[in-house]
Amino acid sequence: MDYVSALVPPIVMAVFFIGVVRVIVKTQGGAAKDKEDAAVDAAIARAEGARQGSPARDV
């Protein structure tokens, strides 16, 4: 019976993890996808612009 009690926590965690992954995959896309993608693209562009605009310092 010890093997059952040893296997239950990993099995429960695996089932929970699979459920979380399925929810994440199912919620990708949707109505706000274009808006979210535009916000991420804008943030990346700002970060790249700030990195390229600031002079590199030698330490």
C-alpha atoms as a PDB file:
ATOM      1  CA  MET A   1       0.000   0.000   0.000  1.00  0.00           C
ATOM      2  CA  ASP A   2       2.974   2.324   0.398  1.00  0.00           C
ATOM      3  CA  TYR A   3       3.470   2.401  -3.364  1.00  0.00           C
ATOM      4  CA  VAL A   4      -0.057   3.751  -3.825  1.00  0.00           C
ATOM      5  CA  SER A   5       0.521   6.611  -1.393  1.00  0.00           C
ATOM      6  CA  ALA A   6       3.850   7.308  -3.105  1.00  0.00           C
ATOM      7  CA  LEU A   7       2.270   7.487  -6.573  1.00  0.00           C
ATOM      8  CA  VAL A   8      -0.831   9.549  -5.767  1.00  0.00           C
ATOM      9  CA  PRO A   9       0.837  13.003  -5.411  1.00  0.00           C
ATOM     10  CA  PRO A  10       2.741  12.824  -8.736  1.00  0.00           C
ATOM     11  CA  ILE A  11      -0.350  11.558 -10.544  1.00  0.00           C
ATOM     12  CA  VAL A  12      -2.497  14.336  -9.084  1.00  0.00           C
ATOM     13  CA  MET A  13       0.110  16.940 -10.043  1.00  0.00           C
ATOM     14  CA  ALA A  14       0.377  15.531 -13.567  1.00  0.00           C
ATOM     15  CA  VAL A  15      -3.395  15.654 -14.041  1.00  0.00           C
ATOM     16  CA  PHE A  16      -3.503  19.223 -12.717  1.00  0.00           C
ATOM     17  CA  PHE A  17      -0.614  20.262 -14.989  1.00  0.00           C
ATOM     18  CA  ILE A  18      -2.294  18.746 -18.047  1.00  0.00           C
ATOM     19  CA  GLY A  19      -5.485  20.609 -17.149  1.00  0.00           C
ATOM     20  CA  VAL A  20      -3.623  23.912 -16.834  1.00  0.00           C
ATOM     21  CA  VAL A  21      -1.903  23.412 -20.185  1.00  0.00           C
ATOM     22  CA  ARG A  22      -5.234  22.594 -21.864  1.00  0.00           C
ATOM     23  CA  VAL A  23      -6.821  25.759 -20.448  1.00  0.00           C
ATOM     24  CA  ILE A  24      -3.888  27.875 -21.637  1.00  0.00           C
ATOM     25  CA  VAL A  25      -4.020  26.382 -25.128  1.00  0.00           C
ATOM     26  CA  LYS A  26      -7.797  26.765 -25.389  1.00  0.00           C
ATOM     27  CA  THR A  27      -7.738  30.425 -24.325  1.00  0.00           C
ATOM     28  CA  GLN A  28      -5.111  31.421 -26.895  1.00  0.00           C
ATOM     29  CA  GLY A  29      -6.632  33.390 -29.701  1.00  0.00           C
ATOM     30  CA  GLY A  30     -10.071  34.726 -29.005  1.00  0.00           C
ATOM     31  CA  ALA A  31     -11.485  38.197 -29.545  1.00  0.00           C
ATOM     32  CA  ALA A  32      -8.633  40.150 -27.922  1.00  0.00           C
ATOM     33  CA  LYS A  33      -5.782  38.341 -29.697  1.00  0.00           C
ATOM     34  CA  ASP A  34      -5.008  41.160 -32.158  1.00  0.00           C
ATOM     35  CA  LYS A  35      -5.097  43.754 -29.381  1.00  0.00           C
ATOM     36  CA  GLU A  36      -2.767  41.694 -27.179  1.00  0.00           C
ATOM     37  CA  ASP A  37      -0.392  41.045 -30.079  1.00  0.00           C
ATOM     38  CA  ALA A  38      -0.276  44.762 -30.900  1.00  0.00           C
ATOM     39  CA  ALA A  39       0.503  45.612 -27.271  1.00  0.00           C
ATOM     40  CA  VAL A  40       3.349  43.074 -27.167  1.00  0.00           C
ATOM     41  CA  ASP A  41       4.748  44.311 -30.489  1.00  0.00           C
ATOM     42  CA  ALA A  42       4.660  47.908 -29.223  1.00  0.00           C
ATOM     43  CA  ALA A  43       6.453  46.953 -25.994  1.00  0.00           C
ATOM     44  CA  ILE A  44       9.142  45.082 -27.922  1.00  0.00           C
ATOM     45  CA  ALA A  45       9.597  48.037 -30.278  1.00  0.00           C
ATOM     46  CA  ARG A  46       9.959  50.424 -27.323  1.00  0.00           C
ATOM     47  CA  ALA A  47      12.514  48.147 -25.659  1.00  0.00           C
ATOM     48  CA  GLU A  48      14.533  47.796 -28.856  1.00  0.00           C
ATOM     49  CA  GLY A  49      14.371  51.539 -29.492  1.00  0.00           C
ATOM     50  CA  ALA A  50      15.585  52.306 -25.987  1.00  0.00           C
ATOM     51  CA  ARG A  51      18.395  49.795 -26.299  1.00  0.00           C
ATOM     52  CA  GLN A  52      19.536  51.137 -29.652  1.00  0.00           C
ATOM     53  CA  GLY A  53      19.125  54.762 -28.633  1.00  0.00           C
ATOM     54  CA  SER A  54      21.236  54.554 -25.491  1.00  0.00           C
ATOM     55  CA  PRO A  55      25.007  54.507 -25.953  1.00  0.00           C
ATOM     56  CA  ALA A  56      26.790  51.404 -24.753  1.00  0.00           C
ATOM     57  CA  ARG A  57      28.954  51.919 -21.706  1.00  0.00           C
ATOM     58  CA  ASP A  58      32.201  50.081 -21.142  1.00  0.00           C
ATOM     59  CA  VAL A  59      32.716  48.919 -17.609  1.00  0.00           C
END
